[in-house]
Protein backbone atom coordinates (compact mmCIF):
# COMPACT_ATOMS: atom_id res chain seq x y z
CA MET A 1 -42.61 -40.96 4.81
CA VAL A 2 -41.48 -37.32 4.83
CA LEU A 3 -37.84 -36.47 4.33
CA ALA A 4 -36.63 -33.20 5.69
CA CYS A 5 -33.52 -31.40 4.60
CA ILE A 6 -31.95 -29.18 7.21
CA VAL A 7 -29.68 -26.54 5.73
CA PRO A 8 -27.22 -25.07 8.22
CA SER A 9 -27.17 -21.31 8.50
CA SER A 10 -24.18 -19.26 7.41
CA ALA A 11 -23.52 -18.38 11.06
CA SER A 12 -23.31 -22.02 12.09
CA ILE A 13 -21.03 -22.84 9.17
CA LEU A 14 -18.72 -19.94 10.05
CA SER A 15 -18.59 -20.89 13.73
CA LEU A 16 -16.88 -24.16 12.78
CA MET A 17 -14.12 -22.51 10.74
CA ASP A 18 -10.80 -20.98 11.64
CA VAL A 19 -10.02 -17.43 10.45
CA GLU A 20 -8.43 -18.41 7.14
CA GLU A 21 -11.30 -20.75 6.30
CA LYS A 22 -13.79 -17.98 7.13
CA ILE A 23 -12.01 -15.54 4.85
CA ASN A 24 -11.94 -18.08 2.02
CA TRP A 25 -15.61 -18.97 2.54
CA ILE A 26 -16.64 -15.31 2.51
CA ALA A 27 -14.55 -14.67 -0.61
CA GLU A 28 -16.23 -17.61 -2.35
CA GLN A 29 -19.67 -16.30 -1.40
CA LEU A 30 -18.84 -12.84 -2.72
CA LEU A 31 -17.46 -14.31 -5.93
CA TYR A 32 -20.59 -16.43 -6.36
CA ARG A 33 -22.86 -13.46 -5.68
CA TYR A 34 -21.07 -10.70 -7.60
CA GLY A 35 -18.71 -12.53 -9.97
CA GLU A 36 -15.16 -11.57 -10.83
CA ILE A 37 -14.21 -7.94 -10.46
CA GLU A 38 -11.51 -6.19 -12.35
CA ILE A 39 -9.06 -4.40 -10.11
CA THR A 40 -7.10 -1.70 -11.83
CA ARG A 41 -3.78 -0.82 -10.31
CA SER A 42 -2.56 2.72 -10.04
CA ASP A 43 0.06 4.54 -8.10
CA PRO A 44 -0.60 4.14 -4.35
CA VAL A 45 -0.11 7.87 -3.68
CA GLU A 46 -2.59 8.72 -6.43
CA GLU A 47 -5.06 6.35 -4.80
CA LEU A 48 -4.38 7.98 -1.45
CA ILE A 49 -5.19 11.40 -2.91
CA THR A 50 -8.33 10.10 -4.64
CA THR A 51 -9.34 8.55 -1.31
CA ILE A 52 -9.14 11.95 0.33
CA LEU A 53 -11.09 13.44 -2.57
CA SER A 54 -13.75 10.73 -2.29
CA GLN A 55 -14.91 11.89 1.14
CA ASN A 56 -18.52 13.03 1.04
CA THR A 57 -18.87 12.93 -2.76
CA ASN A 58 -19.54 10.46 -5.55
CA ASP A 59 -17.01 8.72 -7.77
CA THR A 60 -17.71 11.00 -10.73
CA ASN A 61 -16.97 14.19 -8.80
CA ARG A 62 -13.97 12.57 -7.10
CA ASP A 63 -12.52 11.70 -10.50
CA ARG A 64 -13.29 15.18 -11.87
CA ALA A 65 -11.58 16.77 -8.87
CA TYR A 66 -8.47 14.60 -9.30
CA SER A 67 -8.35 15.29 -13.06
CA SER A 68 -8.68 19.01 -12.38
CA LEU A 69 -5.90 18.83 -9.80
CA ILE A 70 -3.48 17.10 -12.16
CA GLU A 71 -4.54 19.22 -15.13
CA ARG A 72 -3.83 22.38 -13.15
CA PHE A 73 -0.56 21.36 -11.46
CA GLY A 74 0.78 18.55 -13.66
CA THR A 75 2.30 16.42 -10.90
CA LEU A 76 1.77 15.59 -7.26
CA GLU A 77 5.12 17.24 -6.55
CA ALA A 78 3.70 20.50 -7.91
CA VAL A 79 0.54 19.99 -5.83
CA LYS A 80 2.70 19.59 -2.72
CA ASP A 81 4.37 22.92 -3.44
CA ALA A 82 1.19 24.78 -4.45
CA PRO A 83 -0.67 27.20 -2.20
CA VAL A 84 -3.61 25.62 -0.37
CA ASP A 85 -6.13 28.07 -1.90
CA GLU A 86 -5.05 27.07 -5.43
CA ILE A 87 -5.39 23.38 -4.57
CA ALA A 88 -8.84 24.13 -3.12
CA GLU A 89 -9.89 25.90 -6.30
CA ALA A 90 -8.69 22.98 -8.44
CA ILE A 91 -10.67 20.39 -6.46
CA LYS A 92 -13.77 22.51 -5.81
CA ILE A 93 -16.03 20.21 -7.82
CA GLY A 94 -15.42 17.41 -5.29
CA GLY A 95 -16.90 19.32 -2.37
CA LEU A 96 -15.28 20.08 0.99
CA HIS A 97 -12.45 21.59 -1.06
CA ASN A 98 -11.11 23.84 1.71
CA GLN A 99 -10.65 20.93 4.12
CA LYS A 100 -9.43 18.45 1.49
CA SER A 101 -6.87 20.87 0.05
CA ILE A 102 -5.18 21.24 3.44
CA ARG A 103 -5.19 17.48 3.97
CA ILE A 104 -3.81 16.73 0.51
CA LYS A 105 -1.00 19.25 0.92
CA ASN A 106 -0.14 17.93 4.41
CA VAL A 107 -0.17 14.29 3.31
CA LEU A 108 2.05 14.93 0.30
CA ALA A 109 4.47 17.05 2.36
CA ARG A 110 4.68 14.42 5.08
CA ILE A 111 5.26 11.53 2.70
CA MET A 112 8.01 13.50 0.94
CA ARG A 113 9.57 14.58 4.25
CA GLU A 114 9.54 11.09 5.77
CA ARG A 115 10.20 9.00 2.66
CA GLY A 116 12.20 11.35 0.42
CA SER A 117 9.87 10.57 -2.49
CA PHE A 118 6.25 9.74 -3.22
CA ASP A 119 7.07 6.05 -3.34
CA ILE A 120 4.98 4.33 -0.69
CA SER A 121 5.17 0.91 -2.31
CA PHE A 122 6.90 -0.34 0.86
CA LEU A 123 3.42 -0.55 2.42
CA ALA A 124 2.77 -3.71 0.40
CA PHE A 125 5.55 -5.50 2.29
CA LEU A 126 4.85 -4.46 5.87
CA ILE A 127 3.95 -7.11 8.41
CA PHE A 128 2.30 -4.80 10.92
CA PRO A 129 -1.08 -3.07 10.61
CA VAL A 130 -1.14 -0.31 8.04
CA LYS A 131 -4.19 1.51 9.38
CA PRO A 132 -2.40 3.09 12.38
CA LEU A 133 0.47 4.19 10.14
CA LEU A 134 -1.81 5.85 7.65
CA SER A 135 -4.00 7.29 10.38
CA LYS A 136 -0.94 9.24 11.53
CA LEU A 137 -1.39 11.29 8.38
CA ARG A 138 -4.66 12.56 9.91
CA SER A 139 -6.30 12.94 6.53
CA ILE A 140 -7.58 9.50 5.84
CA VAL A 141 -11.16 8.64 6.47
CA ARG A 142 -10.80 5.30 8.28
CA ARG A 143 -13.68 3.64 6.48
CA TYR A 144 -11.94 4.10 3.14
CA LEU A 145 -8.59 2.63 4.14
CA THR A 146 -9.26 -1.05 3.80
CA GLY A 147 -11.02 -0.93 0.46
CA THR A 148 -8.65 1.46 -1.21
CA PHE A 149 -5.41 -0.09 -0.08
CA ARG A 150 -6.60 -3.65 -0.56
CA SER A 151 -7.02 -2.72 -4.22
CA THR A 152 -3.40 -1.58 -4.36
CA SER A 153 -2.15 -4.63 -2.44
CA CYS A 154 -1.04 -2.45 0.45
CA LEU A 155 -2.89 -4.54 2.98
CA ALA A 156 -1.99 -7.89 1.49
CA ASN A 157 -1.23 -10.48 4.16
CA MET A 158 -1.26 -7.94 6.98
CA SER A 159 -2.02 -9.12 10.48
CA ASN A 160 -3.26 -7.14 13.44
CA THR A 161 -1.29 -9.36 15.80
CA TYR A 162 2.05 -7.61 15.28
CA PRO A 163 3.05 -4.57 17.32
CA PHE A 164 3.10 -1.26 15.53
CA PRO A 165 6.47 0.50 15.49
CA ASN A 166 6.70 4.11 16.61
CA GLU A 167 8.17 5.40 13.38
CA LEU A 168 7.91 4.74 9.68
CA PRO A 169 10.39 2.11 8.47
């Protein structure tokens, strides 16, 4: 007598689950495969700037560019007020410095203009999709949004089923 064990595929398991169950199952698989990860929290605007700096470079050069930026200007407020060519020079090590300097300056100016400060912590409490809001800033590389802002809890419990308002709250 031969006993056979049929193991269902991941696809068939997932097809029987609702969305929340799928998310939990995937999270469990990732945890099993990669173990616990340590998520360090930093200021969301700092993470936004490092996200811009991370385009087309490695983490080491991104971090060097951000350190150089802060070393040269001291604060993000000073970066916002600095000439674009000086920002570009400060972040040169990260590559694409001419494009990134314009984007960084525009993002910081827009956040300050629309929010009155660099506090974007309100993003953690929104119930509508954050991607369209941040995409309005025209400096975010879409593929970085989810990973970066999930690590700062900005996308926590967001749902794509809610309509997106025309303006920032």
